[in-house]
Structure formats: structure tokens, C-alpha cells
Full PDB file with SEQRES, HELIX, SHEET, SSBOND, CRYST1, ORIGX, SCALE, CONECT and MASTER records, all heavy atoms in Angstrom:
SEQRES   1 A   36  LEU VAL HIS GLU SER HIS VAL ARG LEU PRO GLY TYR PRO          
SEQRES   2 A   36  ARG PRO ILE ARG GLN ILE ILE MET ARG GLY ASN GLY HIS          
SEQRES   3 A   36  GLU LYS PRO THR PHE LEU ILE THR ASN ASP                      
SHEET    1 AA1 3 VAL A   2  VAL A   7  0                                        
SHEET    2 AA1 3 ILE A  16  MET A  21 -1                                        
SHEET    3 AA1 3 THR A  30  THR A  34 -1                                        
CRYST1    1.000    1.000    1.000  90.00  90.00  90.00 P 1           1          
ORIGX1      1.000000  0.000000  0.000000        0.00000                         
ORIGX2      0.000000  1.000000  0.000000        0.00000                         
ORIGX3      0.000000  0.000000  1.000000        0.00000                         
SCALE1      1.000000  0.000000  0.000000        0.00000                         
SCALE2      0.000000  1.000000  0.000000        0.00000                         
SCALE3      0.000000  0.000000  1.000000        0.00000                         
ATOM      1  N   LEU A   1      40.932  42.097  43.141  1.00  0.00           N  
ATOM      2  CA  LEU A   1      40.277  41.976  44.446  1.00  0.00           C  
ATOM      3  C   LEU A   1      40.044  40.491  44.689  1.00  0.00           C  
ATOM      4  O   LEU A   1      39.640  39.738  43.781  1.00  0.00           O  
ATOM      5  CB  LEU A   1      38.962  42.723  44.407  1.00  0.00           C  
ATOM      6  CG  LEU A   1      39.046  44.228  44.367  1.00  0.00           C  
ATOM      7  CD1 LEU A   1      37.688  44.829  44.095  1.00  0.00           C  
ATOM      8  CD2 LEU A   1      39.604  44.784  45.706  1.00  0.00           C  
ATOM      9  N   VAL A   2      40.264  40.049  45.946  1.00  0.00           N  
ATOM     10  CA  VAL A   2      40.058  38.642  46.262  1.00  0.00           C  
ATOM     11  C   VAL A   2      39.223  38.509  47.499  1.00  0.00           C  
ATOM     12  O   VAL A   2      39.173  39.383  48.389  1.00  0.00           O  
ATOM     13  CB  VAL A   2      41.440  37.939  46.498  1.00  0.00           C  
ATOM     14  CG1 VAL A   2      42.221  37.929  45.212  1.00  0.00           C  
ATOM     15  CG2 VAL A   2      42.234  38.559  47.620  1.00  0.00           C  
ATOM     16  N   HIS A   3      38.543  37.326  47.586  1.00  0.00           N  
ATOM     17  CA  HIS A   3      37.750  37.007  48.750  1.00  0.00           C  
ATOM     18  C   HIS A   3      38.043  35.541  49.086  1.00  0.00           C  
ATOM     19  O   HIS A   3      37.932  34.667  48.241  1.00  0.00           O  
ATOM     20  CB  HIS A   3      36.185  37.133  48.535  1.00  0.00           C  
ATOM     21  CG  HIS A   3      35.402  36.577  49.611  1.00  0.00           C  
ATOM     22  ND1 HIS A   3      35.243  37.185  50.838  1.00  0.00           N  
ATOM     23  CD2 HIS A   3      34.716  35.456  49.685  1.00  0.00           C  
ATOM     24  CE1 HIS A   3      34.448  36.442  51.655  1.00  0.00           C  
ATOM     25  NE2 HIS A   3      34.127  35.382  50.916  1.00  0.00           N  
ATOM     26  N   GLU A   4      38.447  35.231  50.295  1.00  0.00           N  
ATOM     27  CA  GLU A   4      38.871  33.862  50.697  1.00  0.00           C  
ATOM     28  C   GLU A   4      37.897  33.259  51.669  1.00  0.00           C  
ATOM     29  O   GLU A   4      37.352  33.934  52.587  1.00  0.00           O  
ATOM     30  CB  GLU A   4      40.274  33.938  51.309  1.00  0.00           C  
ATOM     31  CG  GLU A   4      40.827  32.609  51.681  1.00  0.00           C  
ATOM     32  CD  GLU A   4      42.278  32.692  52.190  1.00  0.00           C  
ATOM     33  OE1 GLU A   4      42.801  33.816  52.296  1.00  0.00           O  
ATOM     34  OE2 GLU A   4      42.838  31.657  52.514  1.00  0.00           O  
ATOM     35  N   SER A   5      37.645  31.961  51.503  1.00  0.00           N  
ATOM     36  CA  SER A   5      36.776  31.157  52.418  1.00  0.00           C  
ATOM     37  C   SER A   5      37.094  29.704  52.228  1.00  0.00           C  
ATOM     38  O   SER A   5      37.958  29.314  51.461  1.00  0.00           O  
ATOM     39  CB  SER A   5      35.306  31.455  52.069  1.00  0.00           C  
ATOM     40  OG  SER A   5      34.995  30.989  50.765  1.00  0.00           O  
ATOM     41  N   HIS A   6      36.452  28.872  53.071  1.00  0.00           N  
ATOM     42  CA  HIS A   6      36.508  27.419  52.899  1.00  0.00           C  
ATOM     43  C   HIS A   6      35.162  26.886  52.592  1.00  0.00           C  
ATOM     44  O   HIS A   6      34.138  27.304  53.191  1.00  0.00           O  
ATOM     45  CB  HIS A   6      37.068  26.783  54.150  1.00  0.00           C  
ATOM     46  CG  HIS A   6      38.570  26.876  54.301  1.00  0.00           C  
ATOM     47  ND1 HIS A   6      39.208  28.020  54.687  1.00  0.00           N  
ATOM     48  CD2 HIS A   6      39.554  25.947  54.077  1.00  0.00           C  
ATOM     49  CE1 HIS A   6      40.505  27.805  54.695  1.00  0.00           C  
ATOM     50  NE2 HIS A   6      40.759  26.556  54.355  1.00  0.00           N  
ATOM     51  N   VAL A   7      35.091  26.026  51.590  1.00  0.00           N  
ATOM     52  CA  VAL A   7      33.785  25.520  51.095  1.00  0.00           C  
ATOM     53  C   VAL A   7      33.774  23.984  51.027  1.00  0.00           C  
ATOM     54  O   VAL A   7      34.853  23.346  51.013  1.00  0.00           O  
ATOM     55  CB  VAL A   7      33.452  26.075  49.683  1.00  0.00           C  
ATOM     56  CG1 VAL A   7      33.377  27.596  49.791  1.00  0.00           C  
ATOM     57  CG2 VAL A   7      34.549  25.682  48.683  1.00  0.00           C  
ATOM     58  N   ARG A   8      32.596  23.426  50.977  1.00  0.00           N  
ATOM     59  CA  ARG A   8      32.438  21.974  50.775  1.00  0.00           C  
ATOM     60  C   ARG A   8      32.213  21.679  49.293  1.00  0.00           C  
ATOM     61  O   ARG A   8      31.394  22.365  48.679  1.00  0.00           O  
ATOM     62  CB  ARG A   8      31.247  21.472  51.607  1.00  0.00           C  
ATOM     63  CG  ARG A   8      31.513  21.431  53.125  1.00  0.00           C  
ATOM     64  CD  ARG A   8      32.250  20.195  53.507  1.00  0.00           C  
ATOM     65  NE  ARG A   8      32.394  20.028  54.975  1.00  0.00           N  
ATOM     66  CZ  ARG A   8      33.074  19.040  55.506  1.00  0.00           C  
ATOM     67  NH1 ARG A   8      33.598  18.095  54.734  1.00  0.00           N  
ATOM     68  NH2 ARG A   8      33.181  18.928  56.814  1.00  0.00           N  
ATOM     69  N   LEU A   9      32.852  20.631  48.794  1.00  0.00           N  
ATOM     70  CA  LEU A   9      32.675  20.261  47.428  1.00  0.00           C  
ATOM     71  C   LEU A   9      32.180  18.808  47.398  1.00  0.00           C  
ATOM     72  O   LEU A   9      32.661  17.957  48.240  1.00  0.00           O  
ATOM     73  CB  LEU A   9      33.957  20.337  46.623  1.00  0.00           C  
ATOM     74  CG  LEU A   9      34.575  21.733  46.516  1.00  0.00           C  
ATOM     75  CD1 LEU A   9      35.894  21.652  45.778  1.00  0.00           C  
ATOM     76  CD2 LEU A   9      33.640  22.679  45.802  1.00  0.00           C  
ATOM     77  N   PRO A  10      31.313  18.397  46.478  1.00  0.00           N  
ATOM     78  CA  PRO A  10      30.835  17.014  46.410  1.00  0.00           C  
ATOM     79  C   PRO A  10      32.026  16.047  46.079  1.00  0.00           C  
ATOM     80  O   PRO A  10      32.792  16.290  45.134  1.00  0.00           O  
ATOM     81  CB  PRO A  10      29.833  16.996  45.259  1.00  0.00           C  
ATOM     82  CG  PRO A  10      30.100  18.295  44.472  1.00  0.00           C  
ATOM     83  CD  PRO A  10      30.659  19.254  45.455  1.00  0.00           C  
ATOM     84  N   GLY A  11      32.149  15.009  46.871  1.00  0.00           N  
ATOM     85  CA  GLY A  11      33.206  14.030  46.625  1.00  0.00           C  
ATOM     86  C   GLY A  11      34.555  14.392  47.235  1.00  0.00           C  
ATOM     87  O   GLY A  11      35.535  13.624  47.172  1.00  0.00           O  
ATOM     88  N   TYR A  12      34.623  15.558  47.889  1.00  0.00           N  
ATOM     89  CA  TYR A  12      35.886  15.992  48.548  1.00  0.00           C  
ATOM     90  C   TYR A  12      35.642  15.947  50.045  1.00  0.00           C  
ATOM     91  O   TYR A  12      34.612  16.495  50.541  1.00  0.00           O  
ATOM     92  CB  TYR A  12      36.256  17.410  48.127  1.00  0.00           C  
ATOM     93  CG  TYR A  12      37.674  17.772  48.399  1.00  0.00           C  
ATOM     94  CD1 TYR A  12      38.711  17.394  47.484  1.00  0.00           C  
ATOM     95  CD2 TYR A  12      38.049  18.432  49.563  1.00  0.00           C  
ATOM     96  CE1 TYR A  12      40.027  17.706  47.722  1.00  0.00           C  
ATOM     97  CE2 TYR A  12      39.388  18.769  49.808  1.00  0.00           C  
ATOM     98  CZ  TYR A  12      40.372  18.384  48.902  1.00  0.00           C  
ATOM     99  OH  TYR A  12      41.698  18.690  49.114  1.00  0.00           O  
ATOM    100  N   PRO A  13      36.491  15.251  50.833  1.00  0.00           N  
ATOM    101  CA  PRO A  13      36.174  14.898  52.183  1.00  0.00           C  
ATOM    102  C   PRO A  13      36.221  15.986  53.231  1.00  0.00           C  
ATOM    103  O   PRO A  13      35.670  15.823  54.334  1.00  0.00           O  
ATOM    104  CB  PRO A  13      37.274  13.806  52.550  1.00  0.00           C  
ATOM    105  CG  PRO A  13      38.431  14.201  51.645  1.00  0.00           C  
ATOM    106  CD  PRO A  13      37.831  14.744  50.377  1.00  0.00           C  
ATOM    107  N   ARG A  14      36.817  17.131  52.902  1.00  0.00           N  
ATOM    108  CA  ARG A  14      36.913  18.201  53.935  1.00  0.00           C  
ATOM    109  C   ARG A  14      36.732  19.552  53.243  1.00  0.00           C  
ATOM    110  O   ARG A  14      36.769  19.673  52.031  1.00  0.00           O  
ATOM    111  CB  ARG A  14      38.296  18.132  54.627  1.00  0.00           C  
ATOM    112  CG  ARG A  14      39.492  18.385  53.671  1.00  0.00           C  
ATOM    113  CD  ARG A  14      40.843  18.236  54.355  1.00  0.00           C  
ATOM    114  NE  ARG A  14      41.926  18.531  53.530  1.00  0.00           N  
ATOM    115  CZ  ARG A  14      42.507  19.685  53.358  1.00  0.00           C  
ATOM    116  NH1 ARG A  14      41.998  20.771  53.958  1.00  0.00           N  
ATOM    117  NH2 ARG A  14      43.568  19.896  52.546  1.00  0.00           N  
ATOM    118  N   PRO A  15      36.487  20.573  54.107  1.00  0.00           N  
ATOM    119  CA  PRO A  15      36.375  21.910  53.474  1.00  0.00           C  
ATOM    120  C   PRO A  15      37.672  22.291  52.769  1.00  0.00           C  
ATOM    121  O   PRO A  15      38.763  22.027  53.244  1.00  0.00           O  
ATOM    122  CB  PRO A  15      36.146  22.823  54.700  1.00  0.00           C  
ATOM    123  CG  PRO A  15      35.554  21.930  55.741  1.00  0.00           C  
ATOM    124  CD  PRO A  15      36.196  20.605  55.535  1.00  0.00           C  
ATOM    125  N   ILE A  16      37.602  22.888  51.606  1.00  0.00           N  
ATOM    126  CA  ILE A  16      38.720  23.268  50.826  1.00  0.00           C  
ATOM    127  C   ILE A  16      38.785  24.806  50.674  1.00  0.00           C  
ATOM    128  O   ILE A  16      37.773  25.496  50.642  1.00  0.00           O  
ATOM    129  CB  ILE A  16      38.673  22.573  49.444  1.00  0.00           C  
ATOM    130  CG1 ILE A  16      39.993  22.708  48.711  1.00  0.00           C  
ATOM    131  CG2 ILE A  16      37.506  23.129  48.558  1.00  0.00           C  
ATOM    132  CD1 ILE A  16      40.092  21.867  47.460  1.00  0.00           C  
ATOM    133  N   ARG A  17      39.995  25.290  50.591  1.00  0.00           N  
ATOM    134  CA  ARG A  17      40.236  26.756  50.503  1.00  0.00           C  
ATOM    135  C   ARG A  17      39.744  27.242  49.116  1.00  0.00           C  
ATOM    136  O   ARG A  17      40.173  26.723  48.047  1.00  0.00           O  
ATOM    137  CB  ARG A  17      41.729  27.010  50.642  1.00  0.00           C  
ATOM    138  CG  ARG A  17      42.126  28.507  50.701  1.00  0.00           C  
ATOM    139  CD  ARG A  17      43.605  28.598  50.854  1.00  0.00           C  
ATOM    140  NE  ARG A  17      44.086  29.962  51.028  1.00  0.00           N  
ATOM    141  CZ  ARG A  17      45.338  30.377  51.100  1.00  0.00           C  
ATOM    142  NH1 ARG A  17      46.283  29.437  50.961  1.00  0.00           N  
ATOM    143  NH2 ARG A  17      45.681  31.634  51.252  1.00  0.00           N  
ATOM    144  N   GLN A  18      38.945  28.288  49.119  1.00  0.00           N  
ATOM    145  CA  GLN A  18      38.454  28.881  47.878  1.00  0.00           C  
ATOM    146  C   GLN A  18      38.799  30.358  47.880  1.00  0.00           C  
ATOM    147  O   GLN A  18      38.632  31.077  48.848  1.00  0.00           O  
ATOM    148  CB  GLN A  18      36.934  28.753  47.787  1.00  0.00           C  
ATOM    149  CG  GLN A  18      36.328  29.449  46.571  1.00  0.00           C  
ATOM    150  CD  GLN A  18      34.842  29.233  46.460  1.00  0.00           C  
ATOM    151  OE1 GLN A  18      34.387  28.279  45.843  1.00  0.00           O  
ATOM    152  NE2 GLN A  18      34.073  30.153  47.053  1.00  0.00           N  
ATOM    153  N   ILE A  19      39.323  30.805  46.721  1.00  0.00           N  
ATOM    154  CA  ILE A  19      39.701  32.230  46.499  1.00  0.00           C  
ATOM    155  C   ILE A  19      38.912  32.706  45.307  1.00  0.00           C  
ATOM    156  O   ILE A  19      39.060  32.240  44.228  1.00  0.00           O  
ATOM    157  CB  ILE A  19      41.234  32.402  46.298  1.00  0.00           C  
ATOM    158  CG1 ILE A  19      41.969  31.873  47.539  1.00  0.00           C  
ATOM    159  CG2 ILE A  19      41.536  33.853  46.026  1.00  0.00           C  
ATOM    160  CD1 ILE A  19      43.488  31.743  47.269  1.00  0.00           C  
ATOM    161  N   ILE A  20      38.034  33.723  45.581  1.00  0.00           N  
ATOM    162  CA  ILE A  20      37.281  34.357  44.470  1.00  0.00           C  
ATOM    163  C   ILE A  20      38.028  35.624  44.062  1.00  0.00           C  
ATOM    164  O   ILE A  20      38.466  36.379  44.900  1.00  0.00           O  
ATOM    165  CB  ILE A  20      35.883  34.715  44.872  1.00  0.00           C  
ATOM    166  CG1 ILE A  20      35.155  33.503  45.531  1.00  0.00           C  
ATOM    167  CG2 ILE A  20      35.057  35.195  43.691  1.00  0.00           C  
ATOM    168  CD1 ILE A  20      33.777  33.853  46.090  1.00  0.00           C  
ATOM    169  N   MET A  21      38.227  35.738  42.726  1.00  0.00           N  
ATOM    170  CA  MET A  21      39.041  36.861  42.273  1.00  0.00           C  
ATOM    171  C   MET A  21      38.243  37.751  41.255  1.00  0.00           C  
ATOM    172  O   MET A  21      37.565  37.199  40.403  1.00  0.00           O  
ATOM    173  CB  MET A  21      40.282  36.304  41.574  1.00  0.00           C  
ATOM    174  CG  MET A  21      41.327  37.319  41.186  1.00  0.00           C  
ATOM    175  SD  MET A  21      42.958  36.622  40.737  1.00  0.00           S  
ATOM    176  CE  MET A  21      42.482  35.206  39.787  1.00  0.00           C  
ATOM    177  N   ARG A  22      38.300  39.040  41.456  1.00  0.00           N  
ATOM    178  CA  ARG A  22      37.683  40.003  40.582  1.00  0.00           C  
ATOM    179  C   ARG A  22      38.688  41.024  40.093  1.00  0.00           C  
ATOM    180  O   ARG A  22      39.736  41.200  40.720  1.00  0.00           O  
ATOM    181  CB  ARG A  22      36.534  40.728  41.282  1.00  0.00           C  
ATOM    182  CG  ARG A  22      35.311  39.918  41.600  1.00  0.00           C  
ATOM    183  CD  ARG A  22      34.341  40.687  42.501  1.00  0.00           C  
ATOM    184  NE  ARG A  22      34.152  42.058  41.981  1.00  0.00           N  
ATOM    185  CZ  ARG A  22      33.610  43.030  42.723  1.00  0.00           C  
ATOM    186  NH1 ARG A  22      33.291  42.831  43.943  1.00  0.00           N  
ATOM    187  NH2 ARG A  22      33.411  44.231  42.195  1.00  0.00           N  
ATOM    188  N   GLY A  23      38.380  41.686  38.993  1.00  0.00           N  
ATOM    189  CA  GLY A  23      39.266  42.766  38.470  1.00  0.00           C  
ATOM    190  C   GLY A  23      40.559  42.188  37.894  1.00  0.00           C  
ATOM    191  O   GLY A  23      41.615  42.842  37.932  1.00  0.00           O  
ATOM    192  N   ASN A  24      40.443  40.968  37.288  1.00  0.00           N  
ATOM    193  CA  ASN A  24      41.651  40.361  36.679  1.00  0.00           C  
ATOM    194  C   ASN A  24      41.546  40.317  35.168  1.00  0.00           C  
ATOM    195  O   ASN A  24      42.161  39.481  34.511  1.00  0.00           O  
ATOM    196  CB  ASN A  24      41.862  38.966  37.240  1.00  0.00           C  
ATOM    197  CG  ASN A  24      40.651  38.081  36.978  1.00  0.00           C  
ATOM    198  OD1 ASN A  24      39.548  38.496  36.856  1.00  0.00           O  
ATOM    199  ND2 ASN A  24      40.870  36.756  37.041  1.00  0.00           N  
ATOM    200  N   GLY A  25      40.642  41.153  34.603  1.00  0.00           N  
ATOM    201  CA  GLY A  25      40.483  41.193  33.168  1.00  0.00           C  
ATOM    202  C   GLY A  25      39.321  40.357  32.621  1.00  0.00           C  
ATOM    203  O   GLY A  25      39.062  40.349  31.445  1.00  0.00           O  
ATOM    204  N   HIS A  26      38.668  39.571  33.505  1.00  0.00           N  
ATOM    205  CA  HIS A  26      37.571  38.763  33.138  1.00  0.00           C  
ATOM    206  C   HIS A  26      36.244  39.391  33.582  1.00  0.00           C  
ATOM    207  O   HIS A  26      36.187  40.012  34.604  1.00  0.00           O  
ATOM    208  CB  HIS A  26      37.662  37.330  33.742  1.00  0.00           C  
ATOM    209  CG  HIS A  26      38.876  36.601  33.272  1.00  0.00           C  
ATOM    210  ND1 HIS A  26      38.904  35.925  32.045  1.00  0.00           N  
ATOM    211  CD2 HIS A  26      40.120  36.429  33.823  1.00  0.00           C  
ATOM    212  CE1 HIS A  26      40.083  35.350  31.925  1.00  0.00           C  
ATOM    213  NE2 HIS A  26      40.857  35.667  32.946  1.00  0.00           N  
ATOM    214  N   GLU A  27      35.193  39.202  32.763  1.00  0.00           N  
ATOM    215  CA  GLU A  27      33.941  39.823  33.098  1.00  0.00           C  
ATOM    216  C   GLU A  27      33.302  39.233  34.397  1.00  0.00           C  
ATOM    217  O   GLU A  27      32.746  39.985  35.212  1.00  0.00           O  
ATOM    218  CB  GLU A  27      32.948  39.613  31.938  1.00  0.00           C  
ATOM    219  CG  GLU A  27      31.608  40.271  32.090  1.00  0.00           C  
ATOM    220  CD  GLU A  27      30.682  40.060  30.957  1.00  0.00           C  
ATOM    221  OE1 GLU A  27      31.120  39.499  29.937  1.00  0.00           O  
ATOM    222  OE2 GLU A  27      29.451  40.387  31.102  1.00  0.00           O  
ATOM    223  N   LYS A  28      33.436  37.904  34.561  1.00  0.00           N  
ATOM    224  CA  LYS A  28      32.841  37.218  35.703  1.00  0.00           C  
ATOM    225  C   LYS A  28      33.936  36.896  36.704  1.00  0.00           C  
ATOM    226  O   LYS A  28      35.114  36.813  36.327  1.00  0.00           O  
ATOM    227  CB  LYS A  28      32.149  35.969  35.299  1.00  0.00           C  
ATOM    228  CG  LYS A  28      30.978  36.205  34.308  1.00  0.00           C  
ATOM    229  CD  LYS A  28      29.837  36.974  34.951  1.00  0.00           C  
ATOM    230  CE  LYS A  28      28.693  37.168  34.003  1.00  0.00           C  
ATOM    231  NZ  LYS A  28      27.599  37.950  34.564  1.00  0.00           N  
ATOM    232  N   PRO A  29      33.592  36.711  37.993  1.00  0.00           N  
ATOM    233  CA  PRO A  29      34.567  36.382  38.940  1.00  0.00           C  
ATOM    234  C   PRO A  29      35.250  35.031  38.698  1.00  0.00           C  
ATOM    235  O   PRO A  29      34.603  34.095  38.105  1.00  0.00           O  
ATOM    236  CB  PRO A  29      33.802  36.291  40.294  1.00  0.00           C  
ATOM    237  CG  PRO A  29      32.527  37.077  40.040  1.00  0.00           C  
ATOM    238  CD  PRO A  29      32.257  36.913  38.617  1.00  0.00           C  
ATOM    239  N   THR A  30      36.503  34.843  39.068  1.00  0.00           N  
ATOM    240  CA  THR A  30      37.231  33.603  38.891  1.00  0.00           C  
ATOM    241  C   THR A  30      37.295  32.913  40.255  1.00  0.00           C  
ATOM    242  O   THR A  30      37.594  33.536  41.286  1.00  0.00           O  
ATOM    243  CB  THR A  30      38.662  33.853  38.395  1.00  0.00           C  
ATOM    244  OG1 THR A  30      38.564  34.495  37.124  1.00  0.00           O  
ATOM    245  CG2 THR A  30      39.460  32.586  38.243  1.00  0.00           C  
ATOM    246  N   PHE A  31      37.042  31.588  40.315  1.00  0.00           N  
ATOM    247  CA  PHE A  31      36.999  30.816  41.525  1.00  0.00           C  
ATOM    248  C   PHE A  31      38.186  29.864  41.531  1.00  0.00           C  
ATOM    249  O   PHE A  31      38.254  28.906  40.766  1.00  0.00           O  
ATOM    250  CB  PHE A  31      35.694  30.029  41.665  1.00  0.00           C  
ATOM    251  CG  PHE A  31      34.483  30.875  41.861  1.00  0.00           C  
ATOM    252  CD1 PHE A  31      33.932  31.557  40.769  1.00  0.00           C  
ATOM    253  CD2 PHE A  31      33.910  31.020  43.079  1.00  0.00           C  
ATOM    254  CE1 PHE A  31      32.809  32.340  40.935  1.00  0.00           C  
ATOM    255  CE2 PHE A  31      32.743  31.822  43.251  1.00  0.00           C  
ATOM    256  CZ  PHE A  31      32.215  32.490  42.165  1.00  0.00           C  
ATOM    257  N   LEU A  32      39.182  30.106  42.419  1.00  0.00           N  
ATOM    258  CA  LEU A  32      40.275  29.190  42.601  1.00  0.00           C  
ATOM    259  C   LEU A  32      40.029  28.309  43.814  1.00  0.00           C  
ATOM    260  O   LEU A  32      39.455  28.745  44.803  1.00  0.00           O  
ATOM    261  CB  LEU A  32      41.599  29.963  42.848  1.00  0.00           C  
ATOM    262  CG  LEU A  32      42.079  30.882  41.768  1.00  0.00           C  
ATOM    263  CD1 LEU A  32      43.403  31.543  42.157  1.00  0.00           C  
ATOM    264  CD2 LEU A  32      42.274  30.155  40.474  1.00  0.00           C  
ATOM    265  N   ILE A  33      40.430  27.017  43.712  1.00  0.00           N  
ATOM    266  CA  ILE A  33      40.391  26.150  44.908  1.00  0.00           C  
ATOM    267  C   ILE A  33      41.764  25.518  45.015  1.00  0.00           C  
ATOM    268  O   ILE A  33      42.423  25.212  44.038  1.00  0.00           O  
ATOM    269  CB  ILE A  33      39.297  25.092  44.793  1.00  0.00           C  
ATOM    270  CG1 ILE A  33      39.335  24.334  43.429  1.00  0.00           C  
ATOM    271  CG2 ILE A  33      37.887  25.693  44.990  1.00  0.00           C  
ATOM    272  CD1 ILE A  33      38.364  23.173  43.366  1.00  0.00           C  
ATOM    273  N   THR A  34      42.174  25.309  46.257  1.00  0.00           N  
ATOM    274  CA  THR A  34      43.498  24.733  46.540  1.00  0.00           C  
ATOM    275  C   THR A  34      43.462  23.975  47.901  1.00  0.00           C  
ATOM    276  O   THR A  34      42.709  24.403  48.767  1.00  0.00           O  
ATOM    277  CB  THR A  34      44.587  25.803  46.542  1.00  0.00           C  
ATOM    278  OG1 THR A  34      45.858  25.200  46.835  1.00  0.00           O  
ATOM    279  CG2 THR A  34      44.287  26.932  47.550  1.00  0.00           C  
ATOM    280  N   ASN A  35      44.277  22.948  47.978  1.00  0.00           N  
ATOM    281  CA  ASN A  35      44.435  22.258  49.255  1.00  0.00           C  
ATOM    282  C   ASN A  35      45.635  22.850  50.056  1.00  0.00           C  
ATOM    283  O   ASN A  35      46.021  22.274  51.071  1.00  0.00           O  
ATOM    284  CB  ASN A  35      44.572  20.789  49.075  1.00  0.00           C  
ATOM    285  CG  ASN A  35      45.821  20.377  48.288  1.00  0.00           C  
ATOM    286  OD1 ASN A  35      46.418  21.217  47.611  1.00  0.00           O  
ATOM    287  ND2 ASN A  35      46.215  19.141  48.393  1.00  0.00           N  
ATOM    288  N   ASP A  36      46.208  23.846  49.554  1.00  0.00           N  
ATOM    289  CA  ASP A  36      47.335  24.599  50.249  1.00  0.00           C  
ATOM    290  C   ASP A  36      46.750  25.629  51.166  1.00  0.00           C  
ATOM    291  O   ASP A  36      46.368  26.724  50.678  1.00  0.00           O  
ATOM    292  CB  ASP A  36      48.236  25.188  49.202  1.00  0.00           C  
ATOM    293  CG  ASP A  36      49.532  25.766  49.832  1.00  0.00           C  
ATOM    294  OD1 ASP A  36      49.577  25.957  51.020  1.00  0.00           O  
ATOM    295  OD2 ASP A  36      50.491  26.035  49.069  1.00  0.00           O  
TER     296      ASP A  36                                                      
MASTER        0    0    0    0    3    0    0    6  295    1    0    3          
END                                                                             
């Protein structure tokens, strides 16, 4: 399962794409960030 949004990060000049992933074999959610 995934949830997509754009977030602000310290030191990064613009909102960046964030993908939160669940149900991938890990106990806690995984947070991916990409400029794509």
C-alpha cells in the first residue's frame, strides 16, 4: 500500500515527492523521497 504527497525538508529548496509504503515486509512504514 502506498500514500503519495509533497513535503518540505530542511535544506531542500522546494517541496519534494514523498511516497509512504506499507505492507512490504517491514513492521514500520517506509518513506521514499524522490525529485522525479
